[in-house]
Amino acid sequence: MIFYKPVKEIEELKKLFPDRLFDEKLVYGGYVTEGSGEYFGKILIEINAYRSKIITVETNGDKLMVEGLIRAALTYAGNRNAYIAECGDCKFEDVLLMLGFEKENGVFTGEIPELLQGSCCKSD
């Protein structure tokens, strides 16, 4: 079984992402995914009022693992009143597009409620 474990404490996030600078005016959150003693990946998101930004997604898993990390981070941001999500990390462009992000000038953006809908609920 695979678990998506939230990381909310800034000191824990700093240990997970030692190369990142953290702005004390922003809210941060992250998730680590693991199962059966094996590490699969992590994600970091920052929240600034109603906007959130996926800072990084790192994984040794497949697209489904990436989707799970992104959905977990979007849920985290949405539960903290963020409405717009942004991602400049293009390593997983196909997953971002599948979730409903739109690409403009190299940046992916979308409304969190729309991004979290399953494909069965989206209308074209």
Protein backbone atom coordinates (compact mmCIF):
# COMPACT_ATOMS: atom_id res chain seq x y z
CA MET A 1 0.00 0.00 0.00
CA ILE A 2 1.22 3.51 -0.82
CA PHE A 3 0.75 6.41 1.57
CA TYR A 4 0.74 10.15 0.91
CA LYS A 5 1.99 11.69 4.14
CA PRO A 6 1.46 15.45 4.63
CA VAL A 7 4.34 17.58 5.84
CA LYS A 8 3.20 20.89 7.35
CA GLU A 9 5.97 21.93 9.71
CA ILE A 10 8.38 24.37 8.09
CA GLU A 11 11.42 22.76 9.74
CA GLU A 12 10.51 19.37 8.27
CA LEU A 13 9.99 20.96 4.86
CA LYS A 14 13.40 22.63 5.06
CA LYS A 15 14.97 19.22 5.71
CA LEU A 16 13.09 17.66 2.78
CA PHE A 17 13.95 20.52 0.42
CA PRO A 18 17.32 21.84 1.64
CA ASP A 19 18.03 23.76 -1.58
CA ARG A 20 14.83 25.82 -1.39
CA LEU A 21 14.43 29.24 0.15
CA PHE A 22 11.31 29.70 2.25
CA ASP A 23 9.59 33.08 2.60
CA GLU A 24 8.21 33.54 6.11
CA LYS A 25 5.25 35.49 4.69
CA LEU A 26 3.96 32.46 2.74
CA VAL A 27 2.35 29.19 3.77
CA TYR A 28 4.05 25.97 2.65
CA GLY A 29 3.01 22.37 2.54
CA GLY A 30 4.29 19.16 1.13
CA TYR A 31 3.69 15.48 0.79
CA VAL A 32 5.95 12.47 0.84
CA THR A 33 4.81 9.22 -0.69
CA GLU A 34 6.08 5.87 0.50
CA GLY A 35 4.99 2.32 1.01
CA SER A 36 6.40 -0.92 2.35
CA GLY A 37 9.48 0.94 3.53
CA GLU A 38 10.19 2.30 0.04
CA TYR A 39 10.35 6.02 -0.81
CA PHE A 40 8.60 7.12 -4.02
CA GLY A 41 8.60 10.93 -4.09
CA LYS A 42 7.76 14.31 -2.67
CA ILE A 43 6.10 17.60 -3.59
CA LEU A 44 6.34 21.15 -2.28
CA ILE A 45 3.63 23.80 -2.66
CA GLU A 46 3.51 27.41 -1.50
CA ILE A 47 0.34 29.37 -0.81
CA ASN A 48 0.00 33.13 -1.05
CA ALA A 49 -3.57 34.22 -0.30
CA TYR A 50 -5.82 32.64 -2.97
CA ARG A 51 -2.91 31.58 -5.22
CA SER A 52 -0.77 28.48 -4.85
CA LYS A 53 2.33 27.39 -6.68
CA ILE A 54 3.69 23.89 -7.05
CA ILE A 55 7.39 24.48 -6.47
CA THR A 56 8.73 21.03 -7.22
CA VAL A 57 7.68 17.44 -7.80
CA GLU A 58 10.32 14.77 -7.36
CA THR A 59 9.56 11.10 -7.82
CA ASN A 60 10.99 7.80 -8.93
CA GLY A 61 7.45 6.58 -9.55
CA ASP A 62 5.17 6.60 -12.56
CA LYS A 63 2.60 9.12 -13.84
CA LEU A 64 -0.01 7.83 -11.41
CA MET A 65 2.35 8.64 -8.52
CA VAL A 66 2.88 12.15 -9.92
CA GLU A 67 -0.87 12.66 -10.27
CA GLY A 68 -1.40 11.57 -6.66
CA LEU A 69 1.24 13.98 -5.37
CA ILE A 70 -0.22 16.87 -7.37
CA ARG A 71 -3.79 16.11 -6.28
CA ALA A 72 -2.69 15.90 -2.64
CA ALA A 73 -0.91 19.26 -2.89
CA LEU A 74 -3.90 20.88 -4.62
CA THR A 75 -6.22 19.59 -1.91
CA TYR A 76 -3.87 20.94 0.75
CA ALA A 77 -3.87 24.38 -0.94
CA GLY A 78 -7.62 24.35 -1.50
CA ASN A 79 -8.21 23.58 2.17
CA ARG A 80 -6.25 26.75 2.95
CA ASN A 81 -8.49 28.91 0.75
CA ALA A 82 -6.27 28.89 -2.35
CA TYR A 83 -8.30 28.95 -5.56
CA ILE A 84 -5.72 29.27 -8.33
CA ALA A 85 -2.87 26.81 -8.86
CA GLU A 86 0.27 27.41 -10.85
CA CYS A 87 3.17 25.19 -11.82
CA GLY A 88 6.31 26.13 -13.72
CA ASP A 89 7.90 22.69 -13.31
CA CYS A 90 7.43 21.20 -16.77
CA LYS A 91 8.90 17.74 -16.13
CA PHE A 92 5.40 16.29 -15.89
CA GLU A 93 3.62 18.35 -18.55
CA ASP A 94 1.46 15.43 -19.68
CA VAL A 95 0.08 14.91 -16.16
CA LEU A 96 -0.57 18.63 -15.68
CA LEU A 97 -2.46 18.81 -18.98
CA MET A 98 -4.44 15.65 -18.14
CA LEU A 99 -5.53 17.26 -14.84
CA GLY A 100 -6.76 20.32 -16.73
CA PHE A 101 -3.93 22.82 -16.29
CA GLU A 102 -3.62 25.27 -19.17
CA LYS A 103 -0.20 26.29 -20.43
CA GLU A 104 0.50 29.95 -21.15
CA ASN A 105 3.98 31.42 -21.57
CA GLY A 106 5.55 28.25 -20.15
CA VAL A 107 3.48 28.33 -16.94
CA PHE A 108 0.65 25.93 -16.17
CA THR A 109 -2.37 27.39 -14.35
CA GLY A 110 -5.84 26.33 -13.35
CA GLU A 111 -8.64 26.73 -10.83
CA ILE A 112 -8.22 24.20 -8.03
CA PRO A 113 -11.87 23.02 -7.92
CA GLU A 114 -11.73 22.32 -11.68
CA LEU A 115 -8.35 20.59 -11.46
CA LEU A 116 -9.54 18.27 -8.71
CA GLN A 117 -12.60 17.05 -10.60
CA GLY A 118 -12.29 13.57 -11.98
CA SER A 119 -12.29 13.18 -15.75
CA CYS A 120 -15.83 11.80 -15.53
CA CYS A 121 -17.06 15.16 -14.20
CA LYS A 122 -15.36 17.46 -16.70
CA SER A 123 -17.35 18.85 -19.56
CA ASP A 124 -15.75 19.66 -22.90
